[in-house]
């Protein structure tokens, strides 16, 4: 899993974990090194037991922003 100070896509520096589920989803506060803004990163782990309905909810939430 990810940890404090990891840099995703050479852009998003993880600063604080806001939440985590037993099934591997994580929410982080991160610093966008390009826009110089604080953003929220939500990570969805794909696993054999994943409920695909959760992916639909995840995508819908992403479009709201």
PDB file of N, CA and C in Angstrom:
ATOM      1  N   UNK A   1       0.840  -1.185   0.000  1.00  0.00           N
ATOM      2  CA  UNK A   1       0.000   0.000   0.000  1.00  0.00           C
ATOM      3  C   UNK A   1       0.887   1.250   0.000  1.00  0.00           C
ATOM      4  N   UNK A   2       0.242   2.378  -0.175  1.00  0.00           N
ATOM      5  CA  UNK A   2       0.971   3.636  -0.216  1.00  0.00           C
ATOM      6  C   UNK A   2       1.266   4.125   1.197  1.00  0.00           C
ATOM      7  N   UNK A   3       2.225   5.045   1.286  1.00  0.00           N
ATOM      8  CA  UNK A   3       2.591   5.581   2.592  1.00  0.00           C
ATOM      9  C   UNK A   3       2.909   7.067   2.467  1.00  0.00           C
ATOM     10  N   UNK A   4       2.994   7.726   3.607  1.00  0.00           N
ATOM     11  CA  UNK A   4       3.307   9.143   3.677  1.00  0.00           C
ATOM     12  C   UNK A   4       4.523   9.475   2.812  1.00  0.00           C
ATOM     13  N   UNK A   5       4.404  10.562   2.072  1.00  0.00           N
ATOM     14  CA  UNK A   5       5.484  11.122   1.259  1.00  0.00           C
ATOM     15  C   UNK A   5       5.705  10.396  -0.065  1.00  0.00           C
ATOM     16  N   UNK A   6       4.964   9.321  -0.352  1.00  0.00           N
ATOM     17  CA  UNK A   6       5.055   8.713  -1.680  1.00  0.00           C
ATOM     18  C   UNK A   6       4.620   9.742  -2.714  1.00  0.00           C
ATOM     19  N   UNK A   7       5.197   9.661  -3.903  1.00  0.00           N
ATOM     20  CA  UNK A   7       4.828  10.566  -4.985  1.00  0.00           C
ATOM     21  C   UNK A   7       4.194   9.738  -6.098  1.00  0.00           C
ATOM     22  N   UNK A   8       2.946  10.061  -6.426  1.00  0.00           N
ATOM     23  CA  UNK A   8       2.206   9.335  -7.457  1.00  0.00           C
ATOM     24  C   UNK A   8       2.299  10.076  -8.787  1.00  0.00           C
ATOM     25  N   UNK A   9       2.600   9.340  -9.826  1.00  0.00           N
ATOM     26  CA  UNK A   9       2.643   9.886 -11.182  1.00  0.00           C
ATOM     27  C   UNK A   9       3.594  11.091 -11.295  1.00  0.00           C
ATOM     28  N   UNK A  10       4.646  11.095 -10.490  1.00  0.00           N
ATOM     29  CA  UNK A  10       5.610  12.205 -10.466  1.00  0.00           C
ATOM     30  C   UNK A  10       4.925  13.551 -10.286  1.00  0.00           C
ATOM     31  N   UNK A  11       3.806  13.556  -9.550  1.00  0.00           N
ATOM     32  CA  UNK A  11       3.036  14.786  -9.408  1.00  0.00           C
ATOM     33  C   UNK A  11       2.425  14.970  -8.014  1.00  0.00           C
ATOM     34  N   UNK A  12       1.804  13.926  -7.485  1.00  0.00           N
ATOM     35  CA  UNK A  12       1.028  14.053  -6.247  1.00  0.00           C
ATOM     36  C   UNK A  12       1.807  13.486  -5.061  1.00  0.00           C
ATOM     37  N   UNK A  13       2.205  14.335  -4.145  1.00  0.00           N
ATOM     38  CA  UNK A  13       2.956  13.926  -2.963  1.00  0.00           C
ATOM     39  C   UNK A  13       1.970  13.680  -1.820  1.00  0.00           C
ATOM     40  N   UNK A  14       1.899  12.418  -1.376  1.00  0.00           N
ATOM     41  CA  UNK A  14       0.957  12.053  -0.330  1.00  0.00           C
ATOM     42  C   UNK A  14       1.382  12.677   0.997  1.00  0.00           C
ATOM     43  N   UNK A  15       0.406  13.326   1.673  1.00  0.00           N
ATOM     44  CA  UNK A  15       0.728  14.028   2.912  1.00  0.00           C
ATOM     45  C   UNK A  15       0.068  13.436   4.142  1.00  0.00           C
ATOM     46  N   UNK A  16      -1.203  13.058   4.028  1.00  0.00           N
ATOM     47  CA  UNK A  16      -1.897  12.541   5.203  1.00  0.00           C
ATOM     48  C   UNK A  16      -2.969  11.558   4.761  1.00  0.00           C
ATOM     49  N   UNK A  17      -2.968  10.373   5.362  1.00  0.00           N
ATOM     50  CA  UNK A  17      -3.998   9.390   5.044  1.00  0.00           C
ATOM     51  C   UNK A  17      -5.274   9.779   5.776  1.00  0.00           C
ATOM     52  N   UNK A  18      -6.352   9.940   5.019  1.00  0.00           N
ATOM     53  CA  UNK A  18      -7.625  10.353   5.582  1.00  0.00           C
ATOM     54  C   UNK A  18      -8.530   9.172   5.902  1.00  0.00           C
ATOM     55  N   UNK A  19      -8.311   8.047   5.215  1.00  0.00           N
ATOM     56  CA  UNK A  19      -9.135   6.879   5.469  1.00  0.00           C
ATOM     57  C   UNK A  19      -8.609   5.659   4.737  1.00  0.00           C
ATOM     58  N   UNK A  20      -9.055   4.480   5.207  1.00  0.00           N
ATOM     59  CA  UNK A  20      -8.676   3.221   4.575  1.00  0.00           C
ATOM     60  C   UNK A  20      -9.723   2.177   4.940  1.00  0.00           C
ATOM     61  N   UNK A  21     -10.064   1.343   3.972  1.00  0.00           N
ATOM     62  CA  UNK A  21     -10.994   0.255   4.242  1.00  0.00           C
ATOM     63  C   UNK A  21     -10.243  -1.063   4.256  1.00  0.00           C
ATOM     64  N   UNK A  22     -10.883  -2.077   4.793  1.00  0.00           N
ATOM     65  CA  UNK A  22     -10.277  -3.408   4.841  1.00  0.00           C
ATOM     66  C   UNK A  22     -10.076  -3.977   3.450  1.00  0.00           C
ATOM     67  N   UNK A  23     -10.840  -3.503   2.484  1.00  0.00           N
ATOM     68  CA  UNK A  23     -10.743  -4.024   1.114  1.00  0.00           C
ATOM     69  C   UNK A  23      -9.735  -3.270   0.262  1.00  0.00           C
ATOM     70  N   UNK A  24      -8.947  -2.390   0.861  1.00  0.00           N
ATOM     71  CA  UNK A  24      -7.839  -1.779   0.137  1.00  0.00           C
ATOM     72  C   UNK A  24      -8.067  -0.389  -0.414  1.00  0.00           C
ATOM     73  N   UNK A  25      -9.238   0.189  -0.216  1.00  0.00           N
ATOM     74  CA  UNK A  25      -9.434   1.564  -0.686  1.00  0.00           C
ATOM     75  C   UNK A  25      -8.767   2.522   0.297  1.00  0.00           C
ATOM     76  N   UNK A  26      -8.152   3.570  -0.257  1.00  0.00           N
ATOM     77  CA  UNK A  26      -7.480   4.564   0.570  1.00  0.00           C
ATOM     78  C   UNK A  26      -7.855   5.960   0.101  1.00  0.00           C
ATOM     79  N   UNK A  27      -7.904   6.895   1.050  1.00  0.00           N
ATOM     80  CA  UNK A  27      -8.121   8.302   0.740  1.00  0.00           C
ATOM     81  C   UNK A  27      -6.983   9.083   1.369  1.00  0.00           C
ATOM     82  N   UNK A  28      -6.364   9.963   0.564  1.00  0.00           N
ATOM     83  CA  UNK A  28      -5.207  10.730   1.016  1.00  0.00           C
ATOM     84  C   UNK A  28      -5.374  12.214   0.710  1.00  0.00           C
ATOM     85  N   UNK A  29      -4.828  13.037   1.576  1.00  0.00           N
ATOM     86  CA  UNK A  29      -4.592  14.439   1.270  1.00  0.00           C
ATOM     87  C   UNK A  29      -3.221  14.460   0.599  1.00  0.00           C
ATOM     88  N   UNK A  30      -3.120  15.188  -0.521  1.00  0.00           N
ATOM     89  CA  UNK A  30      -1.855  15.200  -1.264  1.00  0.00           C
ATOM     90  C   UNK A  30      -1.567  16.604  -1.775  1.00  0.00           C
ATOM     91  N   UNK A  31      -0.314  16.842  -2.090  1.00  0.00           N
ATOM     92  CA  UNK A  31       0.109  18.115  -2.656  1.00  0.00           C
ATOM     93  C   UNK A  31       0.391  17.914  -4.136  1.00  0.00           C
ATOM     94  N   UNK A  32      -0.288  18.696  -4.973  1.00  0.00           N
ATOM     95  CA  UNK A  32      -0.084  18.647  -6.423  1.00  0.00           C
ATOM     96  C   UNK A  32       1.112  19.540  -6.744  1.00  0.00           C
ATOM     97  N   UNK A  33       2.222  18.935  -7.134  1.00  0.00           N
ATOM     98  CA  UNK A  33       3.451  19.688  -7.359  1.00  0.00           C
ATOM     99  C   UNK A  33       3.390  20.569  -8.602  1.00  0.00           C
ATOM    100  N   UNK A  34       2.408  20.360  -9.465  1.00  0.00           N
ATOM    101  CA  UNK A  34       2.272  21.202 -10.660  1.00  0.00           C
ATOM    102  C   UNK A  34       1.395  22.411 -10.375  1.00  0.00           C
ATOM    103  N   UNK A  35       0.193  22.171  -9.830  1.00  0.00           N
ATOM    104  CA  UNK A  35      -0.728  23.292  -9.564  1.00  0.00           C
ATOM    105  C   UNK A  35      -0.423  23.987  -8.242  1.00  0.00           C
ATOM    106  N   UNK A  36       0.424  23.335  -7.398  1.00  0.00           N
ATOM    107  CA  UNK A  36       0.772  23.867  -6.082  1.00  0.00           C
ATOM    108  C   UNK A  36      -0.440  23.960  -5.148  1.00  0.00           C
ATOM    109  N   UNK A  37      -1.393  23.031  -5.314  1.00  0.00           N
ATOM    110  CA  UNK A  37      -2.592  22.999  -4.500  1.00  0.00           C
ATOM    111  C   UNK A  37      -2.685  21.685  -3.730  1.00  0.00           C
ATOM    112  N   UNK A  38      -3.433  21.725  -2.637  1.00  0.00           N
ATOM    113  CA  UNK A  38      -3.735  20.504  -1.899  1.00  0.00           C
ATOM    114  C   UNK A  38      -4.944  19.856  -2.548  1.00  0.00           C
ATOM    115  N   UNK A  39      -4.869  18.553  -2.768  1.00  0.00           N
ATOM    116  CA  UNK A  39      -5.944  17.797  -3.415  1.00  0.00           C
ATOM    117  C   UNK A  39      -6.250  16.557  -2.579  1.00  0.00           C
ATOM    118  N   UNK A  40      -7.348  15.900  -2.915  1.00  0.00           N
ATOM    119  CA  UNK A  40      -7.697  14.622  -2.283  1.00  0.00           C
ATOM    120  C   UNK A  40      -7.541  13.533  -3.329  1.00  0.00           C
ATOM    121  N   UNK A  41      -6.840  12.472  -2.973  1.00  0.00           N
ATOM    122  CA  UNK A  41      -6.609  11.328  -3.846  1.00  0.00           C
ATOM    123  C   UNK A  41      -7.358  10.136  -3.266  1.00  0.00           C
ATOM    124  N   UNK A  42      -8.181   9.482  -4.088  1.00  0.00           N
ATOM    125  CA  UNK A  42      -8.868   8.264  -3.652  1.00  0.00           C
ATOM    126  C   UNK A  42      -8.324   7.116  -4.490  1.00  0.00           C
ATOM    127  N   UNK A  43      -7.886   6.070  -3.826  1.00  0.00           N
ATOM    128  CA  UNK A  43      -7.293   4.916  -4.488  1.00  0.00           C
ATOM    129  C   UNK A  43      -8.215   3.717  -4.329  1.00  0.00           C
ATOM    130  N   UNK A  44      -8.463   3.047  -5.432  1.00  0.00           N
ATOM    131  CA  UNK A  44      -9.335   1.878  -5.437  1.00  0.00           C
ATOM    132  C   UNK A  44      -8.509   0.671  -5.820  1.00  0.00           C
ATOM    133  N   UNK A  45      -8.414  -0.295  -4.926  1.00  0.00           N
ATOM    134  CA  UNK A  45      -7.620  -1.499  -5.175  1.00  0.00           C
ATOM    135  C   UNK A  45      -8.466  -2.527  -5.916  1.00  0.00           C
ATOM    136  N   UNK A  46      -7.927  -3.065  -6.984  1.00  0.00           N
ATOM    137  CA  UNK A  46      -8.607  -4.117  -7.729  1.00  0.00           C
ATOM    138  C   UNK A  46      -8.142  -5.464  -7.198  1.00  0.00           C
ATOM    139  N   UNK A  47      -9.090  -6.285  -6.844  1.00  0.00           N
ATOM    140  CA  UNK A  47      -8.790  -7.601  -6.299  1.00  0.00           C
ATOM    141  C   UNK A  47      -9.817  -8.594  -6.846  1.00  0.00           C
ATOM    142  N   UNK A  48      -9.517  -9.878  -6.810  1.00  0.00           N
ATOM    143  CA  UNK A  48     -10.455 -10.873  -7.332  1.00  0.00           C
ATOM    144  C   UNK A  48     -11.837 -10.802  -6.679  1.00  0.00           C
ATOM    145  N   UNK A  49     -11.897 -10.438  -5.408  1.00  0.00           N
ATOM    146  CA  UNK A  49     -13.175 -10.398  -4.710  1.00  0.00           C
ATOM    147  C   UNK A  49     -13.861  -9.025  -4.806  1.00  0.00           C
ATOM    148  N   UNK A  50     -13.344  -8.140  -5.654  1.00  0.00           N
ATOM    149  CA  UNK A  50     -13.914  -6.800  -5.773  1.00  0.00           C
ATOM    150  C   UNK A  50     -15.359  -6.848  -6.248  1.00  0.00           C
ATOM    151  N   UNK A  51     -16.190  -6.027  -5.639  1.00  0.00           N
ATOM    152  CA  UNK A  51     -17.572  -5.875  -6.064  1.00  0.00           C
ATOM    153  C   UNK A  51     -17.605  -4.780  -7.129  1.00  0.00           C
ATOM    154  N   UNK A  52     -17.957  -5.135  -8.355  1.00  0.00           N
ATOM    155  CA  UNK A  52     -17.871  -4.190  -9.473  1.00  0.00           C
ATOM    156  C   UNK A  52     -18.839  -3.017  -9.335  1.00  0.00           C
ATOM    157  N   UNK A  53     -19.878  -3.179  -8.538  1.00  0.00           N
ATOM    158  CA  UNK A  53     -20.766  -2.053  -8.275  1.00  0.00           C
ATOM    159  C   UNK A  53     -20.040  -0.919  -7.572  1.00  0.00           C
ATOM    160  N   UNK A  54     -19.018  -1.267  -6.796  1.00  0.00           N
ATOM    161  CA  UNK A  54     -18.218  -0.248  -6.105  1.00  0.00           C
ATOM    162  C   UNK A  54     -17.455   0.619  -7.107  1.00  0.00           C
ATOM    163  N   UNK A  55     -17.050   0.040  -8.235  1.00  0.00           N
ATOM    164  CA  UNK A  55     -16.362   0.815  -9.260  1.00  0.00           C
ATOM    165  C   UNK A  55     -17.299   1.865  -9.830  1.00  0.00           C
ATOM    166  N   UNK A  56     -18.555   1.514 -10.058  1.00  0.00           N
ATOM    167  CA  UNK A  56     -19.536   2.486 -10.549  1.00  0.00           C
ATOM    168  C   UNK A  56     -19.676   3.656  -9.577  1.00  0.00           C
ATOM    169  N   UNK A  57     -19.766   3.362  -8.286  1.00  0.00           N
ATOM    170  CA  UNK A  57     -19.872   4.420  -7.285  1.00  0.00           C
ATOM    171  C   UNK A  57     -18.626   5.300  -7.274  1.00  0.00           C
ATOM    172  N   UNK A  58     -17.464   4.666  -7.386  1.00  0.00           N
ATOM    173  CA  UNK A  58     -16.194   5.382  -7.410  1.00  0.00           C
ATOM    174  C   UNK A  58     -16.146   6.335  -8.608  1.00  0.00           C
ATOM    175  N   UNK A  59     -16.544   5.861  -9.785  1.00  0.00           N
ATOM    176  CA  UNK A  59     -16.536   6.697 -10.988  1.00  0.00           C
ATOM    177  C   UNK A  59     -17.523   7.853 -10.864  1.00  0.00           C
ATOM    178  N   UNK A  60     -18.698   7.598 -10.316  1.00  0.00           N
ATOM    179  CA  UNK A  60     -19.695   8.646 -10.137  1.00  0.00           C
ATOM    180  C   UNK A  60     -19.169   9.734  -9.196  1.00  0.00           C
ATOM    181  N   UNK A  61     -18.516   9.325  -8.133  1.00  0.00           N
ATOM    182  CA  UNK A  61     -17.970  10.285  -7.193  1.00  0.00           C
ATOM    183  C   UNK A  61     -16.892  11.147  -7.866  1.00  0.00           C
ATOM    184  N   UNK A  62     -16.098  10.555  -8.709  1.00  0.00           N
ATOM    185  CA  UNK A  62     -15.037  11.306  -9.412  1.00  0.00           C
ATOM    186  C   UNK A  62     -15.626  12.359 -10.330  1.00  0.00           C
ATOM    187  N   UNK A  63     -16.739  12.076 -10.955  1.00  0.00           N
ATOM    188  CA  UNK A  63     -17.354  13.028 -11.880  1.00  0.00           C
ATOM    189  C   UNK A  63     -18.049  14.178 -11.172  1.00  0.00           C
ATOM    190  N   UNK A  64     -18.415  13.995  -9.909  1.00  0.00           N
ATOM    191  CA  UNK A  64     -19.092  15.064  -9.159  1.00  0.00           C
ATOM    192  C   UNK A  64     -18.166  16.245  -8.979  1.00  0.00           C
ATOM    193  N   UNK A  65     -16.897  15.971  -8.793  1.00  0.00           N
ATOM    194  CA  UNK A  65     -15.917  17.039  -8.571  1.00  0.00           C
ATOM    195  C   UNK A  65     -15.679  17.706  -9.878  1.00  0.00           C
TER     196      UNK A  65
END
